[in-house]
């Protein structure tokens, strides 16, 4: 079973001078802390749908942490997740997340399914995140 804790803070976009919500916290698998997440509720895709910028870090049993950056977009019947390179993420400077995998490395990672599983929980288990993305549908 996967659970999340959460903190909610506000941040300001230096490019468009707008405040936005950030959720961050730990990821627990069967009661053991196994990772972190950060999600910024800010931006939109080329079709005008709201998007969020997510970083997910997971810890392997050997203690090594890997992190990926994802764009999350509200779609008709489900949320869309796309691995992105870190230069397209507001979380590029959060080095404490561990080894930052680029898009191609994330797609080839044996942890790819786990990253997406955590991403789904972040969107579905945090009401503020789900409401933000669904408001663009």
N, C-alpha and C. Protein backbone atom coordinates (compact mmCIF):
# COMPACT_ATOMS: atom_id res chain seq x y z
N UNK A 1 0.84 -1.18 0.00
CA UNK A 1 0.00 0.00 0.00
C UNK A 1 0.88 1.24 0.00
N UNK A 2 0.51 2.20 -0.82
CA UNK A 2 1.27 3.44 -0.94
C UNK A 2 0.47 4.58 -0.33
N UNK A 3 1.13 5.37 0.51
CA UNK A 3 0.50 6.55 1.11
C UNK A 3 1.45 7.74 0.99
N UNK A 4 0.86 8.92 1.13
CA UNK A 4 1.61 10.17 1.02
C UNK A 4 1.35 11.03 2.24
N UNK A 5 2.36 11.76 2.68
CA UNK A 5 2.07 12.88 3.57
C UNK A 5 2.20 14.13 2.72
N UNK A 6 1.78 15.26 3.27
CA UNK A 6 1.83 16.46 2.43
C UNK A 6 2.05 17.73 3.22
N UNK A 7 2.70 18.65 2.56
CA UNK A 7 2.79 20.04 2.97
C UNK A 7 2.31 20.85 1.78
N UNK A 8 1.69 21.95 2.06
CA UNK A 8 1.21 22.82 1.00
C UNK A 8 1.81 24.20 1.23
N UNK A 9 2.46 24.72 0.21
CA UNK A 9 3.05 26.07 0.28
C UNK A 9 2.69 26.82 -0.99
N UNK A 10 2.92 28.12 -0.96
CA UNK A 10 2.72 28.95 -2.16
C UNK A 10 4.09 29.36 -2.67
N UNK A 11 4.18 29.47 -3.98
CA UNK A 11 5.40 29.93 -4.62
C UNK A 11 5.00 30.98 -5.66
N UNK A 12 5.99 31.67 -6.16
CA UNK A 12 5.72 32.72 -7.15
C UNK A 12 6.54 32.42 -8.40
N UNK A 13 5.90 32.47 -9.54
CA UNK A 13 6.58 32.24 -10.81
C UNK A 13 7.34 33.51 -11.20
N UNK A 14 8.65 33.42 -11.35
CA UNK A 14 9.42 34.61 -11.71
C UNK A 14 9.17 35.07 -13.14
N UNK A 15 8.67 34.18 -14.00
CA UNK A 15 8.44 34.54 -15.40
C UNK A 15 7.13 35.29 -15.61
N UNK A 16 6.06 34.83 -14.93
CA UNK A 16 4.75 35.47 -15.17
C UNK A 16 4.23 36.21 -13.93
N UNK A 17 5.02 36.21 -12.85
CA UNK A 17 4.70 36.97 -11.65
C UNK A 17 3.32 36.59 -11.07
N UNK A 18 3.08 35.27 -10.98
CA UNK A 18 1.82 34.74 -10.46
C UNK A 18 2.14 33.77 -9.32
N UNK A 19 1.32 33.82 -8.27
CA UNK A 19 1.44 32.85 -7.18
C UNK A 19 0.76 31.55 -7.57
N UNK A 20 1.31 30.44 -7.09
CA UNK A 20 0.71 29.12 -7.36
C UNK A 20 0.96 28.21 -6.17
N UNK A 21 0.20 27.11 -6.13
CA UNK A 21 0.28 26.13 -5.05
C UNK A 21 1.36 25.09 -5.34
N UNK A 22 2.05 24.68 -4.29
CA UNK A 22 3.01 23.59 -4.36
C UNK A 22 2.65 22.60 -3.26
N UNK A 23 2.57 21.34 -3.64
CA UNK A 23 2.41 20.26 -2.67
C UNK A 23 3.71 19.48 -2.67
N UNK A 24 4.14 19.07 -1.49
CA UNK A 24 5.37 18.29 -1.37
C UNK A 24 5.24 17.37 -0.18
N UNK A 25 5.97 16.28 -0.23
CA UNK A 25 5.91 15.36 0.90
C UNK A 25 6.65 14.07 0.63
N UNK A 26 6.48 13.16 1.57
CA UNK A 26 7.12 11.86 1.50
C UNK A 26 6.15 10.83 0.94
N UNK A 27 6.72 9.81 0.35
CA UNK A 27 5.99 8.66 -0.16
C UNK A 27 6.32 7.48 0.74
N UNK A 28 5.29 6.77 1.20
CA UNK A 28 5.47 5.61 2.07
C UNK A 28 4.92 4.37 1.37
N UNK A 29 5.71 3.32 1.37
CA UNK A 29 5.27 2.04 0.83
C UNK A 29 5.21 1.06 1.99
N UNK A 30 3.99 0.62 2.30
CA UNK A 30 3.75 -0.28 3.43
C UNK A 30 4.35 0.27 4.72
N UNK A 31 4.19 1.57 4.92
CA UNK A 31 4.61 2.22 6.15
C UNK A 31 6.06 2.66 6.19
N UNK A 32 6.85 2.30 5.19
CA UNK A 32 8.26 2.67 5.15
C UNK A 32 8.47 3.79 4.15
N UNK A 33 9.17 4.83 4.58
CA UNK A 33 9.44 5.96 3.67
C UNK A 33 10.29 5.48 2.51
N UNK A 34 9.78 5.68 1.30
CA UNK A 34 10.48 5.17 0.13
C UNK A 34 10.74 6.22 -0.94
N UNK A 35 10.32 7.46 -0.69
CA UNK A 35 10.56 8.49 -1.68
C UNK A 35 9.98 9.83 -1.31
N UNK A 36 10.06 10.76 -2.26
CA UNK A 36 9.57 12.13 -2.11
C UNK A 36 8.84 12.54 -3.37
N UNK A 37 8.00 13.56 -3.25
CA UNK A 37 7.38 14.15 -4.43
C UNK A 37 7.29 15.66 -4.23
N UNK A 38 7.26 16.38 -5.33
CA UNK A 38 7.03 17.83 -5.38
C UNK A 38 6.14 18.07 -6.59
N UNK A 39 5.07 18.84 -6.42
CA UNK A 39 4.23 19.16 -7.58
C UNK A 39 3.82 20.62 -7.52
N UNK A 40 4.09 21.32 -8.62
CA UNK A 40 3.73 22.73 -8.76
C UNK A 40 2.50 22.81 -9.65
N UNK A 41 1.46 23.45 -9.15
CA UNK A 41 0.20 23.57 -9.89
C UNK A 41 0.23 24.89 -10.65
N UNK A 42 0.91 24.86 -11.79
CA UNK A 42 1.13 26.09 -12.55
C UNK A 42 1.45 25.75 -13.99
N UNK A 43 0.85 26.46 -14.91
CA UNK A 43 1.16 26.33 -16.32
C UNK A 43 0.01 25.75 -17.11
N UNK A 44 0.22 25.66 -18.43
CA UNK A 44 -0.77 25.05 -19.31
C UNK A 44 -0.05 24.52 -20.55
N UNK A 45 -0.69 23.54 -21.19
CA UNK A 45 -0.09 22.98 -22.39
C UNK A 45 -0.49 23.80 -23.61
N UNK A 46 -0.08 23.37 -24.79
CA UNK A 46 -0.34 24.13 -26.01
C UNK A 46 -1.83 24.20 -26.34
N UNK A 47 -2.62 23.27 -25.80
CA UNK A 47 -4.07 23.28 -26.03
C UNK A 47 -4.81 24.08 -24.97
N UNK A 48 -4.07 24.68 -24.04
CA UNK A 48 -4.69 25.52 -23.01
C UNK A 48 -5.15 24.78 -21.77
N UNK A 49 -4.90 23.46 -21.70
CA UNK A 49 -5.29 22.70 -20.50
C UNK A 49 -4.28 22.96 -19.39
N UNK A 50 -4.78 23.06 -18.16
CA UNK A 50 -3.87 23.28 -17.03
C UNK A 50 -2.91 22.11 -16.91
N UNK A 51 -1.71 22.43 -16.47
CA UNK A 51 -0.74 21.38 -16.25
C UNK A 51 -0.04 21.59 -14.92
N UNK A 52 0.63 20.57 -14.47
CA UNK A 52 1.39 20.61 -13.24
C UNK A 52 2.78 20.04 -13.52
N UNK A 53 3.74 20.46 -12.72
CA UNK A 53 5.12 20.00 -12.86
C UNK A 53 5.45 19.14 -11.64
N UNK A 54 5.72 17.87 -11.87
CA UNK A 54 5.91 16.90 -10.81
C UNK A 54 7.33 16.36 -10.82
N UNK A 55 7.89 16.19 -9.65
CA UNK A 55 9.15 15.47 -9.48
C UNK A 55 8.87 14.33 -8.51
N UNK A 56 9.35 13.14 -8.86
CA UNK A 56 9.21 11.97 -8.01
C UNK A 56 10.59 11.38 -7.79
N UNK A 57 10.94 11.17 -6.54
CA UNK A 57 12.20 10.53 -6.19
C UNK A 57 11.89 9.24 -5.44
N UNK A 58 12.57 8.17 -5.82
CA UNK A 58 12.39 6.89 -5.13
C UNK A 58 13.73 6.37 -4.67
N UNK A 59 13.68 5.66 -3.57
CA UNK A 59 14.89 5.10 -2.99
C UNK A 59 14.90 3.59 -3.21
N UNK A 60 15.99 3.11 -3.77
CA UNK A 60 16.17 1.67 -3.97
C UNK A 60 16.56 1.02 -2.64
N UNK A 61 16.41 -0.29 -2.53
CA UNK A 61 16.80 -0.97 -1.29
C UNK A 61 18.24 -0.69 -0.86
N UNK A 62 19.14 -0.40 -1.83
CA UNK A 62 20.53 -0.11 -1.48
C UNK A 62 20.72 1.33 -1.00
N UNK A 63 19.62 2.11 -0.94
CA UNK A 63 19.69 3.49 -0.45
C UNK A 63 19.90 4.52 -1.54
N UNK A 64 20.22 4.09 -2.75
CA UNK A 64 20.44 4.99 -3.89
C UNK A 64 19.10 5.58 -4.32
N UNK A 65 19.05 6.91 -4.48
CA UNK A 65 17.81 7.57 -4.89
C UNK A 65 17.91 8.03 -6.34
N UNK A 66 16.82 7.83 -7.08
CA UNK A 66 16.69 8.33 -8.43
C UNK A 66 15.44 9.18 -8.52
N UNK A 67 15.50 10.21 -9.36
CA UNK A 67 14.37 11.12 -9.49
C UNK A 67 14.06 11.37 -10.95
N UNK A 68 12.77 11.61 -11.21
CA UNK A 68 12.31 11.94 -12.55
C UNK A 68 11.45 13.18 -12.49
N UNK A 69 11.37 13.87 -13.61
CA UNK A 69 10.49 15.03 -13.75
C UNK A 69 9.39 14.65 -14.74
N UNK A 70 8.17 15.04 -14.39
CA UNK A 70 7.03 14.75 -15.26
C UNK A 70 6.17 15.99 -15.44
N UNK A 71 5.57 16.10 -16.60
CA UNK A 71 4.50 17.07 -16.82
C UNK A 71 3.20 16.30 -16.66
N UNK A 72 2.24 16.90 -15.98
CA UNK A 72 0.94 16.27 -15.75
C UNK A 72 -0.12 17.18 -16.35
N UNK A 73 -0.97 16.60 -17.20
CA UNK A 73 -2.01 17.38 -17.87
C UNK A 73 -3.35 16.68 -17.68
N UNK A 74 -4.38 17.47 -17.37
CA UNK A 74 -5.73 16.93 -17.27
C UNK A 74 -6.23 16.59 -18.66
N UNK A 75 -6.69 15.36 -18.85
CA UNK A 75 -7.24 14.92 -20.13
C UNK A 75 -8.71 14.55 -19.94
N UNK A 76 -9.39 14.18 -21.01
CA UNK A 76 -10.83 13.92 -20.96
C UNK A 76 -11.24 12.99 -19.83
N UNK A 77 -10.68 11.78 -19.78
CA UNK A 77 -11.14 10.81 -18.79
C UNK A 77 -10.05 10.41 -17.80
N UNK A 78 -8.84 10.88 -17.99
CA UNK A 78 -7.75 10.54 -17.08
C UNK A 78 -6.66 11.59 -17.18
N UNK A 79 -5.72 11.52 -16.27
CA UNK A 79 -4.60 12.46 -16.30
C UNK A 79 -3.51 11.90 -17.20
N UNK A 80 -2.83 12.78 -17.91
CA UNK A 80 -1.72 12.37 -18.74
C UNK A 80 -0.39 12.70 -18.07
N UNK A 81 0.54 11.76 -18.12
CA UNK A 81 1.86 11.93 -17.53
C UNK A 81 2.90 11.80 -18.63
N UNK A 82 3.84 12.75 -18.67
CA UNK A 82 4.91 12.72 -19.67
C UNK A 82 6.23 12.96 -18.95
N UNK A 83 7.17 12.03 -19.10
CA UNK A 83 8.51 12.26 -18.56
C UNK A 83 9.14 13.39 -19.35
N UNK A 84 9.80 14.31 -18.65
CA UNK A 84 10.46 15.43 -19.31
C UNK A 84 11.90 15.53 -18.80
N UNK A 85 12.73 16.21 -19.57
CA UNK A 85 14.09 16.48 -19.12
C UNK A 85 14.04 17.56 -18.05
N UNK A 86 14.99 17.55 -17.16
CA UNK A 86 14.99 18.44 -16.00
C UNK A 86 15.01 19.92 -16.36
N UNK A 87 15.58 20.27 -17.51
CA UNK A 87 15.60 21.70 -17.86
C UNK A 87 14.20 22.23 -18.15
N UNK A 88 13.23 21.33 -18.28
CA UNK A 88 11.83 21.73 -18.48
C UNK A 88 11.03 21.63 -17.18
N UNK A 89 11.72 21.52 -16.07
CA UNK A 89 11.08 21.35 -14.78
C UNK A 89 11.50 22.46 -13.81
N UNK A 90 10.57 22.97 -13.01
CA UNK A 90 10.97 23.96 -12.01
C UNK A 90 11.80 23.33 -10.88
N UNK A 91 11.90 22.00 -10.88
CA UNK A 91 12.60 21.30 -9.80
C UNK A 91 14.05 20.98 -10.15
N UNK A 92 14.59 21.57 -11.19
CA UNK A 92 15.93 21.27 -11.66
C UNK A 92 17.01 21.50 -10.60
N UNK A 93 16.78 22.41 -9.67
CA UNK A 93 17.80 22.74 -8.66
C UNK A 93 17.63 21.96 -7.36
N UNK A 94 16.69 21.05 -7.30
CA UNK A 94 16.42 20.28 -6.06
C UNK A 94 17.29 19.03 -6.03
N UNK A 95 18.58 19.21 -5.88
CA UNK A 95 19.56 18.12 -5.98
C UNK A 95 19.41 17.07 -4.88
N UNK A 96 18.75 17.41 -3.78
CA UNK A 96 18.55 16.45 -2.70
C UNK A 96 17.67 15.28 -3.13
N UNK A 97 17.00 15.41 -4.29
CA UNK A 97 16.13 14.34 -4.77
C UNK A 97 16.91 13.09 -5.17
N UNK A 98 18.19 13.24 -5.44
CA UNK A 98 19.01 12.10 -5.85
C UNK A 98 19.45 12.25 -7.30
N UNK A 99 19.84 11.15 -7.89
CA UNK A 99 20.28 11.16 -9.28
C UNK A 99 19.10 11.53 -10.17
N UNK A 100 19.24 12.62 -10.89
CA UNK A 100 18.15 13.13 -11.73
C UNK A 100 18.23 12.49 -13.11
N UNK A 101 17.29 11.60 -13.38
CA UNK A 101 17.26 10.91 -14.66
C UNK A 101 16.61 11.79 -15.72
N UNK A 102 17.24 11.90 -16.86
CA UNK A 102 16.64 12.59 -17.99
C UNK A 102 15.48 11.78 -18.55
N UNK A 103 14.79 12.34 -19.53
CA UNK A 103 13.60 11.69 -20.09
C UNK A 103 13.91 10.29 -20.61
N UNK A 104 14.93 10.15 -21.43
CA UNK A 104 15.25 8.84 -22.01
C UNK A 104 15.64 7.83 -20.93
N UNK A 105 16.42 8.27 -19.94
CA UNK A 105 16.80 7.37 -18.85
C UNK A 105 15.59 6.96 -18.02
N UNK A 106 14.65 7.89 -17.82
CA UNK A 106 13.43 7.56 -17.07
C UNK A 106 12.61 6.52 -17.82
N UNK A 107 12.50 6.68 -19.13
CA UNK A 107 11.75 5.72 -19.93
C UNK A 107 12.40 4.33 -19.93
N UNK A 108 13.72 4.28 -19.80
CA UNK A 108 14.44 3.01 -19.80
C UNK A 108 14.63 2.44 -18.39
N UNK A 109 14.28 3.19 -17.38
CA UNK A 109 14.52 2.77 -15.99
C UNK A 109 13.66 1.57 -15.60
N UNK A 110 14.24 0.65 -14.85
CA UNK A 110 13.42 -0.45 -14.33
C UNK A 110 12.39 0.05 -13.30
N UNK A 111 12.54 1.28 -12.84
CA UNK A 111 11.59 1.87 -11.89
C UNK A 111 10.51 2.72 -12.57
N UNK A 112 10.47 2.72 -13.89
CA UNK A 112 9.51 3.55 -14.62
C UNK A 112 8.08 3.33 -14.12
N UNK A 113 7.65 2.10 -13.97
CA UNK A 113 6.27 1.83 -13.52
C UNK A 113 6.05 2.37 -12.12
N UNK A 114 7.05 2.29 -11.27
CA UNK A 114 6.91 2.79 -9.90
C UNK A 114 6.79 4.31 -9.89
N UNK A 115 7.60 5.00 -10.71
CA UNK A 115 7.48 6.46 -10.81
C UNK A 115 6.06 6.85 -11.21
N UNK A 116 5.51 6.16 -12.19
CA UNK A 116 4.15 6.46 -12.65
C UNK A 116 3.11 6.11 -11.61
N UNK A 117 3.34 5.04 -10.87
CA UNK A 117 2.42 4.66 -9.79
C UNK A 117 2.37 5.76 -8.72
N UNK A 118 3.52 6.27 -8.34
CA UNK A 118 3.57 7.37 -7.37
C UNK A 118 2.87 8.59 -7.96
N UNK A 119 3.13 8.91 -9.21
CA UNK A 119 2.52 10.07 -9.86
C UNK A 119 1.00 9.97 -9.82
N UNK A 120 0.45 8.80 -10.09
CA UNK A 120 -1.00 8.60 -10.04
C UNK A 120 -1.54 8.86 -8.64
N UNK A 121 -0.82 8.40 -7.62
CA UNK A 121 -1.26 8.65 -6.24
C UNK A 121 -1.22 10.14 -5.90
N UNK A 122 -0.19 10.83 -6.36
CA UNK A 122 -0.11 12.27 -6.08
C UNK A 122 -1.33 12.97 -6.66
N UNK A 123 -1.70 12.63 -7.87
CA UNK A 123 -2.84 13.28 -8.52
C UNK A 123 -4.16 12.86 -7.89
N UNK A 124 -4.32 11.59 -7.58
CA UNK A 124 -5.61 11.09 -7.09
C UNK A 124 -5.80 11.24 -5.58
N UNK A 125 -4.72 11.19 -4.80
CA UNK A 125 -4.85 11.20 -3.34
C UNK A 125 -4.80 12.59 -2.72
N UNK A 126 -4.36 13.58 -3.47
CA UNK A 126 -4.30 14.94 -2.96
C UNK A 126 -5.42 15.74 -3.60
N UNK A 127 -6.52 15.98 -2.87
CA UNK A 127 -7.70 16.62 -3.46
C UNK A 127 -7.40 17.93 -4.17
N UNK A 128 -6.50 18.73 -3.65
CA UNK A 128 -6.19 20.01 -4.28
C UNK A 128 -5.55 19.84 -5.65
N UNK A 129 -4.74 18.81 -5.81
CA UNK A 129 -4.08 18.55 -7.09
C UNK A 129 -5.12 18.07 -8.10
N UNK A 130 -5.92 17.11 -7.71
CA UNK A 130 -6.95 16.58 -8.61
C UNK A 130 -7.93 17.68 -9.03
N UNK A 131 -8.35 18.49 -8.07
CA UNK A 131 -9.30 19.57 -8.38
C UNK A 131 -8.70 20.57 -9.37
N UNK A 132 -7.44 20.92 -9.17
CA UNK A 132 -6.76 21.86 -10.07
C UNK A 132 -6.75 21.32 -11.50
N UNK A 133 -6.33 20.07 -11.67
CA UNK A 133 -6.23 19.51 -13.00
C UNK A 133 -7.60 19.28 -13.63
N UNK A 134 -8.56 18.86 -12.85
CA UNK A 134 -9.90 18.63 -13.39
C UNK A 134 -10.61 19.93 -13.75
N UNK A 135 -10.20 21.03 -13.17
CA UNK A 135 -10.86 22.31 -13.48
C UNK A 135 -10.56 22.78 -14.89
N UNK A 136 -9.62 22.12 -15.57
CA UNK A 136 -9.30 22.50 -16.94
C UNK A 136 -10.03 21.67 -17.96
N UNK A 137 -10.79 20.67 -17.51
CA UNK A 137 -11.48 19.78 -18.45
C UNK A 137 -12.76 20.39 -18.96
